[in-house]
Amino acid sequence: MVPPETELVPVEGAVAQTRATILAAARAALEQHGVRRTTVADIARRSGVSRQTIYRYWPDVTALYAAVLTEEMRGAVAGTGSAGAPADVIGALVAAAAHVRDLPLLNRLRETDPELLGRYILERLGTSQRDILAQLEDLIAAGQASGAVRAGDPRQLSAMVLLITQSAVQSAPIVADRLPPGAWERELERALRGYLEDRP
């Protein structure tokens, strides 16, 4: 018999809560140690769940790391799809890119595990990248319908916008002396505006 003041958590809610707890623990461990020195045992200790429980949610540690990165990226670009006018689209994209650029986890992985990031730049699209592409495609199509974004296949335009922005984010540290944050954002906005608004 459950005391009246005890709140029952629905099964779905409990699953989501456990998943969020594990992801938070994994994020903290990755920020502290990087990929190579982070273990499932460490994540289990931090989250207060067993290793077996973690493996019920993700088949292996690589999938768990990918889930952490996806959650970070989704959080950084949240709200981009709510922008209306093309100028707002570009502003939202720049703001999201700046947020991603400054993510502690991304900076830590850039220092300790650049090959992991390189995999998603040179070899394959990750889940977060596919999400971003879908958002970009919708935004570009809406801008084209209003006449403010140039003609072109929205799938192709969204892919190029991803490449431009991703390159700017990943390579920002190597030109930080030439492009400090304020200038970086201004020049990225010009690049995106020129690409999306240019009419041949």
N, C-alpha and C. Protein backbone atom coordinates (compact mmCIF):
# COMPACT_ATOMS: atom_id res chain seq x y z
N MET A 1 0.85 -1.19 0.00
CA MET A 1 0.00 0.00 0.00
C MET A 1 0.89 1.25 0.00
N VAL A 2 0.68 2.13 -0.99
CA VAL A 2 1.48 3.34 -1.12
C VAL A 2 0.85 4.45 -0.31
N PRO A 3 1.60 5.14 0.55
CA PRO A 3 1.05 6.25 1.32
C PRO A 3 0.46 7.30 0.40
N PRO A 4 -0.65 7.96 0.82
CA PRO A 4 -1.32 8.92 -0.05
C PRO A 4 -0.41 10.04 -0.52
N GLU A 5 0.57 10.44 0.29
CA GLU A 5 1.40 11.57 -0.11
C GLU A 5 2.49 11.19 -1.09
N THR A 6 2.65 9.86 -1.34
CA THR A 6 3.69 9.41 -2.27
C THR A 6 3.18 9.51 -3.69
N GLU A 7 3.97 10.19 -4.53
CA GLU A 7 3.58 10.35 -5.93
C GLU A 7 4.09 9.18 -6.74
N LEU A 8 3.18 8.53 -7.45
CA LEU A 8 3.56 7.42 -8.31
C LEU A 8 4.06 7.97 -9.64
N VAL A 9 5.20 7.44 -10.12
CA VAL A 9 5.75 7.86 -11.41
C VAL A 9 5.33 6.84 -12.46
N PRO A 10 4.65 7.24 -13.54
CA PRO A 10 4.25 6.31 -14.58
C PRO A 10 5.46 5.59 -15.14
N VAL A 11 5.22 4.38 -15.68
CA VAL A 11 6.33 3.59 -16.22
C VAL A 11 7.10 4.40 -17.26
N GLU A 12 6.36 5.04 -18.19
CA GLU A 12 7.02 5.82 -19.23
C GLU A 12 7.85 6.93 -18.62
N GLY A 13 7.31 7.58 -17.58
CA GLY A 13 8.05 8.65 -16.92
C GLY A 13 9.29 8.14 -16.22
N ALA A 14 9.19 6.98 -15.61
CA ALA A 14 10.34 6.39 -14.93
C ALA A 14 11.43 6.04 -15.93
N VAL A 15 11.03 5.50 -17.07
CA VAL A 15 12.01 5.16 -18.11
C VAL A 15 12.73 6.42 -18.60
N ALA A 16 11.95 7.47 -18.88
CA ALA A 16 12.54 8.73 -19.34
C ALA A 16 13.45 9.33 -18.29
N GLN A 17 13.03 9.22 -17.02
CA GLN A 17 13.83 9.77 -15.93
C GLN A 17 15.15 9.02 -15.79
N THR A 18 15.09 7.70 -15.87
CA THR A 18 16.32 6.90 -15.78
C THR A 18 17.25 7.21 -16.94
N ARG A 19 16.69 7.31 -18.13
CA ARG A 19 17.49 7.63 -19.32
C ARG A 19 18.17 8.99 -19.15
N ALA A 20 17.42 9.98 -18.68
CA ALA A 20 17.98 11.32 -18.49
C ALA A 20 19.08 11.31 -17.43
N THR A 21 18.89 10.52 -16.38
CA THR A 21 19.89 10.43 -15.32
C THR A 21 21.19 9.83 -15.85
N ILE A 22 21.07 8.78 -16.65
CA ILE A 22 22.26 8.15 -17.23
C ILE A 22 22.97 9.10 -18.18
N LEU A 23 22.20 9.79 -19.02
CA LEU A 23 22.80 10.73 -19.97
C LEU A 23 23.54 11.85 -19.24
N ALA A 24 22.94 12.36 -18.16
CA ALA A 24 23.59 13.42 -17.39
C ALA A 24 24.89 12.93 -16.77
N ALA A 25 24.88 11.71 -16.26
CA ALA A 25 26.09 11.14 -15.67
C ALA A 25 27.16 10.92 -16.73
N ALA A 26 26.75 10.43 -17.89
CA ALA A 26 27.70 10.21 -18.98
C ALA A 26 28.29 11.53 -19.46
N ARG A 27 27.45 12.56 -19.55
CA ARG A 27 27.93 13.87 -19.98
C ARG A 27 28.98 14.41 -18.99
N ALA A 28 28.70 14.28 -17.70
CA ALA A 28 29.64 14.76 -16.69
C ALA A 28 30.96 13.99 -16.75
N ALA A 29 30.87 12.68 -16.95
CA ALA A 29 32.08 11.86 -17.02
C ALA A 29 32.90 12.20 -18.26
N LEU A 30 32.22 12.40 -19.39
CA LEU A 30 32.92 12.73 -20.62
C LEU A 30 33.59 14.10 -20.53
N GLU A 31 32.91 15.05 -19.90
CA GLU A 31 33.49 16.38 -19.74
C GLU A 31 34.73 16.34 -18.85
N GLN A 32 34.70 15.44 -17.87
CA GLN A 32 35.83 15.36 -16.95
C GLN A 32 36.99 14.55 -17.51
N HIS A 33 36.67 13.41 -18.15
CA HIS A 33 37.72 12.47 -18.53
C HIS A 33 37.94 12.31 -20.03
N GLY A 34 36.98 12.70 -20.86
CA GLY A 34 37.07 12.37 -22.27
C GLY A 34 36.60 10.95 -22.51
N VAL A 35 36.58 10.54 -23.78
CA VAL A 35 36.02 9.24 -24.15
C VAL A 35 36.89 8.09 -23.65
N ARG A 36 38.19 8.16 -23.89
CA ARG A 36 39.05 7.00 -23.61
C ARG A 36 39.06 6.62 -22.13
N ARG A 37 38.95 7.60 -21.25
CA ARG A 37 39.07 7.31 -19.82
C ARG A 37 37.71 7.20 -19.12
N THR A 38 36.63 7.29 -19.88
CA THR A 38 35.30 7.14 -19.29
C THR A 38 34.83 5.70 -19.49
N THR A 39 34.36 5.07 -18.42
CA THR A 39 33.91 3.69 -18.50
C THR A 39 32.44 3.60 -18.11
N VAL A 40 31.82 2.50 -18.50
CA VAL A 40 30.43 2.27 -18.11
C VAL A 40 30.32 2.16 -16.60
N ALA A 41 31.33 1.59 -15.96
CA ALA A 41 31.32 1.47 -14.50
C ALA A 41 31.30 2.86 -13.85
N ASP A 42 32.05 3.80 -14.42
CA ASP A 42 32.07 5.16 -13.89
C ASP A 42 30.71 5.81 -14.07
N ILE A 43 30.11 5.63 -15.23
CA ILE A 43 28.78 6.21 -15.49
C ILE A 43 27.74 5.59 -14.58
N ALA A 44 27.83 4.28 -14.36
CA ALA A 44 26.89 3.60 -13.46
C ALA A 44 27.01 4.16 -12.04
N ARG A 45 28.24 4.37 -11.60
CA ARG A 45 28.45 4.91 -10.25
C ARG A 45 27.88 6.31 -10.13
N ARG A 46 28.13 7.14 -11.12
CA ARG A 46 27.64 8.51 -11.08
C ARG A 46 26.12 8.59 -11.14
N SER A 47 25.51 7.70 -11.91
CA SER A 47 24.06 7.75 -12.11
C SER A 47 23.28 6.99 -11.06
N GLY A 48 23.97 6.11 -10.32
CA GLY A 48 23.29 5.32 -9.30
C GLY A 48 22.50 4.16 -9.85
N VAL A 49 22.80 3.75 -11.08
CA VAL A 49 22.14 2.57 -11.66
C VAL A 49 23.21 1.53 -11.99
N SER A 50 22.77 0.32 -12.27
CA SER A 50 23.72 -0.74 -12.57
C SER A 50 24.17 -0.67 -14.03
N ARG A 51 25.30 -1.31 -14.31
CA ARG A 51 25.76 -1.39 -15.69
C ARG A 51 24.75 -2.12 -16.56
N GLN A 52 24.10 -3.14 -15.98
CA GLN A 52 23.10 -3.88 -16.73
C GLN A 52 21.95 -2.97 -17.16
N THR A 53 21.56 -2.04 -16.28
CA THR A 53 20.50 -1.10 -16.63
C THR A 53 20.92 -0.21 -17.78
N ILE A 54 22.16 0.26 -17.75
CA ILE A 54 22.65 1.11 -18.84
C ILE A 54 22.58 0.36 -20.16
N TYR A 55 22.97 -0.91 -20.15
CA TYR A 55 22.97 -1.69 -21.39
C TYR A 55 21.55 -2.02 -21.86
N ARG A 56 20.55 -1.85 -21.02
CA ARG A 56 19.18 -2.01 -21.48
C ARG A 56 18.76 -0.84 -22.36
N TYR A 57 19.39 0.31 -22.13
CA TYR A 57 19.05 1.51 -22.89
C TYR A 57 19.92 1.67 -24.14
N TRP A 58 21.19 1.27 -24.05
CA TRP A 58 22.11 1.39 -25.18
C TRP A 58 22.90 0.10 -25.33
N PRO A 59 23.08 -0.37 -26.58
CA PRO A 59 23.73 -1.67 -26.78
C PRO A 59 25.21 -1.68 -26.43
N ASP A 60 25.86 -0.52 -26.51
CA ASP A 60 27.28 -0.44 -26.19
C ASP A 60 27.63 0.99 -25.80
N VAL A 61 28.85 1.17 -25.35
CA VAL A 61 29.25 2.47 -24.84
C VAL A 61 29.32 3.51 -25.96
N THR A 62 29.65 3.07 -27.18
CA THR A 62 29.69 4.00 -28.32
C THR A 62 28.32 4.60 -28.58
N ALA A 63 27.29 3.77 -28.50
CA ALA A 63 25.92 4.26 -28.70
C ALA A 63 25.53 5.25 -27.61
N LEU A 64 25.99 5.01 -26.39
CA LEU A 64 25.71 5.93 -25.29
C LEU A 64 26.41 7.28 -25.52
N TYR A 65 27.67 7.25 -25.94
CA TYR A 65 28.37 8.49 -26.23
C TYR A 65 27.66 9.27 -27.33
N ALA A 66 27.23 8.55 -28.37
CA ALA A 66 26.53 9.20 -29.47
C ALA A 66 25.23 9.84 -28.99
N ALA A 67 24.54 9.17 -28.06
CA ALA A 67 23.30 9.71 -27.52
C ALA A 67 23.56 10.99 -26.73
N VAL A 68 24.66 11.03 -26.00
CA VAL A 68 25.01 12.24 -25.25
C VAL A 68 25.25 13.40 -26.21
N LEU A 69 26.03 13.16 -27.25
CA LEU A 69 26.30 14.20 -28.24
C LEU A 69 25.03 14.68 -28.92
N THR A 70 24.15 13.73 -29.25
CA THR A 70 22.89 14.08 -29.91
C THR A 70 22.05 14.97 -29.01
N GLU A 71 21.95 14.61 -27.73
CA GLU A 71 21.17 15.43 -26.79
C GLU A 71 21.76 16.84 -26.67
N GLU A 72 23.08 16.93 -26.63
CA GLU A 72 23.73 18.23 -26.53
C GLU A 72 23.41 19.08 -27.76
N MET A 73 23.51 18.48 -28.94
CA MET A 73 23.25 19.23 -30.17
C MET A 73 21.79 19.63 -30.29
N ARG A 74 20.90 18.72 -29.94
CA ARG A 74 19.47 19.04 -30.00
C ARG A 74 19.14 20.20 -29.07
N GLY A 75 19.74 20.19 -27.89
CA GLY A 75 19.49 21.28 -26.96
C GLY A 75 20.03 22.60 -27.49
N ALA A 76 21.16 22.55 -28.18
CA ALA A 76 21.77 23.77 -28.69
C ALA A 76 20.97 24.39 -29.81
N VAL A 77 20.33 23.56 -30.63
CA VAL A 77 19.58 24.11 -31.78
C VAL A 77 18.09 24.20 -31.51
N ALA A 78 17.65 23.87 -30.30
CA ALA A 78 16.23 23.95 -29.97
C ALA A 78 15.73 25.37 -30.21
N GLY A 79 14.61 25.46 -30.90
CA GLY A 79 14.02 26.76 -31.18
C GLY A 79 14.37 27.31 -32.54
N THR A 80 15.38 26.73 -33.20
CA THR A 80 15.75 27.22 -34.53
C THR A 80 14.57 27.11 -35.49
N GLY A 81 13.84 26.00 -35.37
CA GLY A 81 12.72 25.78 -36.28
C GLY A 81 11.55 26.70 -36.06
N SER A 82 11.57 27.51 -34.98
CA SER A 82 10.45 28.39 -34.73
C SER A 82 10.64 29.76 -35.38
N ALA A 83 11.81 30.00 -35.96
CA ALA A 83 12.05 31.29 -36.60
C ALA A 83 11.16 31.44 -37.82
N GLY A 84 10.76 32.67 -38.12
CA GLY A 84 9.83 32.87 -39.21
C GLY A 84 10.47 33.42 -40.46
N ALA A 85 10.76 34.72 -40.49
CA ALA A 85 11.33 35.36 -41.67
C ALA A 85 12.74 34.85 -41.90
N PRO A 86 13.20 34.87 -43.17
CA PRO A 86 14.56 34.40 -43.46
C PRO A 86 15.63 35.07 -42.63
N ALA A 87 15.49 36.38 -42.34
CA ALA A 87 16.49 37.04 -41.48
C ALA A 87 16.51 36.41 -40.11
N ASP A 88 15.34 36.03 -39.61
CA ASP A 88 15.28 35.35 -38.32
C ASP A 88 15.90 33.96 -38.42
N VAL A 89 15.70 33.31 -39.54
CA VAL A 89 16.30 31.99 -39.75
C VAL A 89 17.82 32.10 -39.64
N ILE A 90 18.38 33.06 -40.32
CA ILE A 90 19.83 33.21 -40.30
C ILE A 90 20.32 33.57 -38.91
N GLY A 91 19.62 34.49 -38.25
CA GLY A 91 19.99 34.85 -36.89
C GLY A 91 19.92 33.67 -35.94
N ALA A 92 18.88 32.85 -36.10
CA ALA A 92 18.74 31.67 -35.25
C ALA A 92 19.84 30.66 -35.52
N LEU A 93 20.20 30.51 -36.79
CA LEU A 93 21.28 29.58 -37.13
C LEU A 93 22.60 30.03 -36.52
N VAL A 94 22.89 31.31 -36.60
CA VAL A 94 24.14 31.83 -36.04
C VAL A 94 24.15 31.66 -34.52
N ALA A 95 23.02 31.96 -33.87
CA ALA A 95 22.94 31.80 -32.42
C ALA A 95 23.13 30.35 -32.01
N ALA A 96 22.50 29.43 -32.76
CA ALA A 96 22.65 28.01 -32.46
C ALA A 96 24.09 27.56 -32.67
N ALA A 97 24.71 28.04 -33.75
CA ALA A 97 26.10 27.67 -34.02
C ALA A 97 27.02 28.17 -32.91
N ALA A 98 26.78 29.40 -32.44
CA ALA A 98 27.59 29.95 -31.35
C ALA A 98 27.42 29.13 -30.08
N HIS A 99 26.20 28.68 -29.83
CA HIS A 99 25.94 27.85 -28.65
C HIS A 99 26.69 26.53 -28.76
N VAL A 100 26.62 25.91 -29.93
CA VAL A 100 27.32 24.64 -30.13
C VAL A 100 28.83 24.85 -29.98
N ARG A 101 29.34 25.94 -30.55
CA ARG A 101 30.78 26.22 -30.48
C ARG A 101 31.27 26.28 -29.04
N ASP A 102 30.43 26.78 -28.13
CA ASP A 102 30.84 26.98 -26.75
C ASP A 102 30.43 25.84 -25.81
N LEU A 103 29.88 24.75 -26.34
CA LEU A 103 29.49 23.63 -25.48
C LEU A 103 30.72 23.06 -24.77
N PRO A 104 30.70 22.96 -23.43
CA PRO A 104 31.84 22.38 -22.71
C PRO A 104 32.20 20.97 -23.20
N LEU A 105 31.17 20.16 -23.48
CA LEU A 105 31.44 18.79 -23.91
C LEU A 105 32.14 18.78 -25.26
N LEU A 106 31.70 19.61 -26.19
CA LEU A 106 32.33 19.66 -27.50
C LEU A 106 33.78 20.10 -27.38
N ASN A 107 34.03 21.11 -26.57
CA ASN A 107 35.40 21.59 -26.40
C ASN A 107 36.29 20.53 -25.76
N ARG A 108 35.72 19.79 -24.80
CA ARG A 108 36.49 18.73 -24.16
C ARG A 108 36.83 17.62 -25.15
N LEU A 109 35.86 17.22 -25.95
CA LEU A 109 36.09 16.16 -26.92
C LEU A 109 37.05 16.62 -28.01
N ARG A 110 37.00 17.90 -28.35
CA ARG A 110 37.93 18.43 -29.34
C ARG A 110 39.37 18.29 -28.83
N GLU A 111 39.55 18.46 -27.52
CA GLU A 111 40.88 18.35 -26.92
C GLU A 111 41.33 16.91 -26.77
N THR A 112 40.42 16.04 -26.31
CA THR A 112 40.83 14.69 -25.92
C THR A 112 40.55 13.62 -26.97
N ASP A 113 39.50 13.82 -27.78
CA ASP A 113 39.09 12.75 -28.70
C ASP A 113 38.69 13.33 -30.06
N PRO A 114 39.62 14.02 -30.73
CA PRO A 114 39.26 14.64 -32.01
C PRO A 114 38.83 13.64 -33.08
N GLU A 115 39.32 12.40 -32.96
CA GLU A 115 38.94 11.40 -33.97
C GLU A 115 37.46 11.05 -33.88
N LEU A 116 36.87 11.15 -32.69
CA LEU A 116 35.44 10.89 -32.55
C LEU A 116 34.65 11.95 -33.29
N LEU A 117 35.02 13.21 -33.12
CA LEU A 117 34.35 14.28 -33.84
C LEU A 117 34.61 14.18 -35.33
N GLY A 118 35.83 13.81 -35.68
CA GLY A 118 36.16 13.68 -37.09
C GLY A 118 35.30 12.66 -37.81
N ARG A 119 34.88 11.64 -37.11
CA ARG A 119 34.02 10.62 -37.71
C ARG A 119 32.73 11.23 -38.23
N TYR A 120 32.20 12.23 -37.49
CA TYR A 120 30.94 12.84 -37.88
C TYR A 120 31.13 14.02 -38.83
N ILE A 121 32.38 14.35 -39.14
CA ILE A 121 32.67 15.40 -40.10
C ILE A 121 33.08 14.79 -41.44
N LEU A 122 33.84 13.69 -41.39
CA LEU A 122 34.42 13.14 -42.60
C LEU A 122 33.77 11.85 -43.08
N GLU A 123 33.10 11.10 -42.20
CA GLU A 123 32.68 9.76 -42.56
C GLU A 123 31.18 9.53 -42.61
N ARG A 124 30.43 10.16 -41.72
CA ARG A 124 29.00 9.81 -41.63
C ARG A 124 28.20 10.94 -41.01
N LEU A 125 26.86 10.88 -41.25
CA LEU A 125 25.95 11.81 -40.60
C LEU A 125 25.44 11.17 -39.32
N GLY A 126 25.47 11.94 -38.23
CA GLY A 126 24.91 11.46 -36.98
C GLY A 126 23.44 11.83 -36.86
N THR A 127 22.80 11.32 -35.82
CA THR A 127 21.38 11.59 -35.62
C THR A 127 21.11 13.08 -35.47
N SER A 128 21.96 13.78 -34.70
CA SER A 128 21.75 15.21 -34.51
C SER A 128 21.90 15.96 -35.82
N GLN A 129 22.84 15.54 -36.66
CA GLN A 129 23.02 16.20 -37.95
C GLN A 129 21.80 15.99 -38.85
N ARG A 130 21.23 14.80 -38.80
CA ARG A 130 20.02 14.54 -39.60
C ARG A 130 18.85 15.39 -39.10
N ASP A 131 18.74 15.54 -37.79
CA ASP A 131 17.70 16.41 -37.22
C ASP A 131 17.87 17.84 -37.71
N ILE A 132 19.11 18.32 -37.67
CA ILE A 132 19.39 19.68 -38.09
C ILE A 132 19.08 19.86 -39.57
N LEU A 133 19.45 18.88 -40.39
CA LEU A 133 19.16 18.96 -41.82
C LEU A 133 17.66 19.06 -42.07
N ALA A 134 16.87 18.28 -41.33
CA ALA A 134 15.41 18.33 -41.51
C ALA A 134 14.87 19.71 -41.14
N GLN A 135 15.37 20.29 -40.05
CA GLN A 135 14.94 21.63 -39.66
C GLN A 135 15.33 22.66 -40.71
N LEU A 136 16.56 22.56 -41.20
CA LEU A 136 17.03 23.51 -42.20
C LEU A 136 16.21 23.42 -43.48
N GLU A 137 15.91 22.21 -43.88
CA GLU A 137 15.14 22.03 -45.12
C GLU A 137 13.77 22.69 -45.01
N ASP A 138 13.11 22.51 -43.88
CA ASP A 138 11.79 23.13 -43.67
C ASP A 138 11.90 24.65 -43.67
N LEU A 139 12.91 25.18 -42.99
CA LEU A 139 13.08 26.63 -42.92
C LEU A 139 13.37 27.23 -44.29
N ILE A 140 14.22 26.57 -45.04
CA ILE A 140 14.57 27.07 -46.37
C ILE A 140 13.37 27.02 -47.30
N ALA A 141 12.61 25.95 -47.24
CA ALA A 141 11.40 25.85 -48.08
C ALA A 141 10.41 26.95 -47.73
N ALA A 142 10.27 27.25 -46.44
CA ALA A 142 9.36 28.32 -46.03
C ALA A 142 9.86 29.67 -46.54
N GLY A 143 11.16 29.88 -46.48
CA GLY A 143 11.74 31.12 -46.98
C GLY A 143 11.57 31.25 -48.48
N GLN A 144 11.67 30.16 -49.20
CA GLN A 144 11.46 30.18 -50.64
C GLN A 144 10.01 30.51 -50.98
N ALA A 145 9.09 29.96 -50.20
CA ALA A 145 7.67 30.22 -50.44
C ALA A 145 7.34 31.70 -50.27
N SER A 146 8.06 32.39 -49.38
CA SER A 146 7.81 33.81 -49.15
C SER A 146 8.59 34.68 -50.13
N GLY A 147 9.48 34.06 -50.92
CA GLY A 147 10.25 34.81 -51.90
C GLY A 147 11.51 35.43 -51.36
N ALA A 148 11.87 35.14 -50.13
CA ALA A 148 13.03 35.78 -49.52
C ALA A 148 14.29 34.93 -49.57
N VAL A 149 14.16 33.64 -49.87
CA VAL A 149 15.31 32.76 -50.04
C VAL A 149 15.37 32.36 -51.50
N ARG A 150 16.54 32.36 -52.06
CA ARG A 150 16.69 32.09 -53.49
C ARG A 150 16.17 30.70 -53.86
N ALA A 151 15.91 30.54 -55.12
CA ALA A 151 15.43 29.26 -55.63
C ALA A 151 16.53 28.21 -55.53
N GLY A 152 16.11 26.96 -55.45
CA GLY A 152 17.04 25.84 -55.37
C GLY A 152 16.43 24.70 -54.60
N ASP A 153 17.00 23.53 -54.75
CA ASP A 153 16.51 22.35 -54.05
C ASP A 153 16.76 22.53 -52.55
N PRO A 154 15.70 22.57 -51.73
CA PRO A 154 15.91 22.76 -50.28
C PRO A 154 16.82 21.71 -49.66
N ARG A 155 16.81 20.49 -50.19
CA ARG A 155 17.68 19.45 -49.66
C ARG A 155 19.15 19.81 -49.89
N GLN A 156 19.44 20.33 -51.08
CA GLN A 156 20.81 20.71 -51.39
C GLN A 156 21.23 21.95 -50.62
N LEU A 157 20.35 22.94 -50.56
CA LEU A 157 20.69 24.16 -49.83
C LEU A 157 20.91 23.87 -48.35
N SER A 158 20.07 23.02 -47.77
CA SER A 158 20.22 22.69 -46.34
C SER A 158 21.52 21.95 -46.10
N ALA A 159 21.92 21.09 -47.03
CA ALA A 159 23.18 20.36 -46.87
C ALA A 159 24.37 21.31 -46.89
N MET A 160 24.34 22.31 -47.79
CA MET A 160 25.46 23.25 -47.85
C MET A 160 25.49 24.16 -46.62
N VAL A 161 24.32 24.56 -46.13
CA VAL A 161 24.28 25.37 -44.91
C VAL A 161 24.88 24.58 -43.75
N LEU A 162 24.56 23.30 -43.67
CA LEU A 162 25.15 22.46 -42.61
C LEU A 162 26.67 22.43 -42.75
N LEU A 163 27.17 22.23 -43.97
CA LEU A 163 28.61 22.16 -44.16
C LEU A 163 29.30 23.47 -43.78
N ILE A 164 28.71 24.59 -44.20
CA ILE A 164 29.29 25.89 -43.88
C ILE A 164 29.34 26.09 -42.36
N THR A 165 28.22 25.84 -41.71
CA THR A 165 28.12 26.10 -40.28
C THR A 165 28.96 25.12 -39.48
N GLN A 166 28.91 23.87 -39.86
CA GLN A 166 29.68 22.84 -39.14
C GLN A 166 31.18 23.14 -39.23
N SER A 167 31.64 23.53 -40.41
CA SER A 167 33.05 23.87 -40.57
C SER A 167 33.43 25.06 -39.70
N ALA A 168 32.55 26.08 -39.68
CA ALA A 168 32.83 27.27 -38.88
C ALA A 168 32.91 26.93 -37.40
N VAL A 169 32.05 26.03 -36.94
CA VAL A 169 32.03 25.65 -35.52
C VAL A 169 33.27 24.82 -35.17
N GLN A 170 33.53 23.79 -35.96
CA GLN A 170 34.61 22.87 -35.61
C GLN A 170 35.98 23.52 -35.72
N SER A 171 36.15 24.42 -36.67
CA SER A 171 37.46 25.01 -36.89
C SER A 171 37.64 26.37 -36.22
N ALA A 172 36.63 26.84 -35.50
CA ALA A 172 36.72 28.16 -34.86
C ALA A 172 37.97 28.35 -34.00
N PRO A 173 38.38 27.34 -33.19
CA PRO A 173 39.53 27.57 -32.31
C PRO A 173 40.83 27.88 -33.05
N ILE A 174 41.00 27.37 -34.27
CA ILE A 174 42.29 27.56 -34.94
C ILE A 174 42.44 28.95 -35.53
N VAL A 175 41.35 29.71 -35.60
CA VAL A 175 41.44 31.09 -36.11
C VAL A 175 40.92 32.08 -35.06
N ALA A 176 40.93 31.67 -33.80
CA ALA A 176 40.37 32.51 -32.74
C ALA A 176 41.10 33.84 -32.62
N ASP A 177 42.40 33.87 -32.96
CA ASP A 177 43.13 35.13 -32.88
C ASP A 177 42.69 36.11 -33.97
N ARG A 178 42.16 35.59 -35.08
CA ARG A 178 41.68 36.43 -36.17
C ARG A 178 40.18 36.68 -36.07
N LEU A 179 39.46 35.69 -35.55
CA LEU A 179 38.01 35.79 -35.45
C LEU A 179 37.56 35.50 -34.02
N PRO A 180 37.66 36.46 -33.13
CA PRO A 180 37.11 36.27 -31.78
C PRO A 180 35.60 36.15 -31.87
N PRO A 181 34.94 35.70 -30.80
CA PRO A 181 33.51 35.38 -30.86
C PRO A 181 32.62 36.40 -31.58
N GLY A 182 32.70 37.67 -31.26
CA GLY A 182 31.82 38.64 -31.90
C GLY A 182 32.02 38.72 -33.40
N ALA A 183 33.28 38.76 -33.83
CA ALA A 183 33.58 38.81 -35.25
C ALA A 183 33.19 37.51 -35.94
N TRP A 184 33.41 36.39 -35.26
CA TRP A 184 33.06 35.08 -35.81
C TRP A 184 31.57 35.02 -36.14
N GLU A 185 30.75 35.45 -35.23
CA GLU A 185 29.31 35.42 -35.45
C GLU A 185 28.91 36.36 -36.59
N ARG A 186 29.51 37.53 -36.62
CA ARG A 186 29.18 38.50 -37.67
C ARG A 186 29.54 37.97 -39.05
N GLU A 187 30.72 37.38 -39.18
CA GLU A 187 31.16 36.88 -40.48
C GLU A 187 30.39 35.63 -40.89
N LEU A 188 30.03 34.78 -39.93
CA LEU A 188 29.21 33.61 -40.26
C LEU A 188 27.85 34.07 -40.77
N GLU A 189 27.28 35.07 -40.14
CA GLU A 189 25.98 35.58 -40.59
C GLU A 189 26.08 36.11 -42.02
N ARG A 190 27.16 36.81 -42.33
CA ARG A 190 27.33 37.32 -43.69
C ARG A 190 27.45 36.18 -44.69
N ALA A 191 28.18 35.14 -44.31
CA ALA A 191 28.35 34.00 -45.21
C ALA A 191 27.01 33.32 -45.48
N LEU A 192 26.23 33.09 -44.43
CA LEU A 192 24.95 32.42 -44.60
C LEU A 192 23.96 33.30 -45.34
N ARG A 193 23.96 34.58 -45.02
CA ARG A 193 23.04 35.49 -45.71
C ARG A 193 23.38 35.57 -47.20
N GLY A 194 24.67 35.66 -47.52
CA GLY A 194 25.08 35.72 -48.92
C GLY A 194 24.67 34.46 -49.67
N TYR A 195 24.79 33.31 -49.01
CA TYR A 195 24.44 32.06 -49.68
C TYR A 195 22.94 31.90 -49.86
N LEU A 196 22.17 32.20 -48.84
CA LEU A 196 20.74 31.96 -48.90
C LEU A 196 19.97 33.06 -49.63
N GLU A 197 20.48 34.27 -49.62
CA GLU A 197 19.74 35.36 -50.24
C GLU A 197 20.26 35.71 -51.62
N ASP A 198 21.42 35.18 -51.99
CA ASP A 198 22.00 35.51 -53.30
C ASP A 198 21.10 35.00 -54.41
N ARG A 199 20.92 35.82 -55.43
CA ARG A 199 20.11 35.44 -56.59
C ARG A 199 20.99 35.52 -57.83
N PRO A 200 21.19 34.38 -58.51
CA PRO A 200 22.06 34.39 -59.69
C PRO A 200 21.51 35.29 -60.80
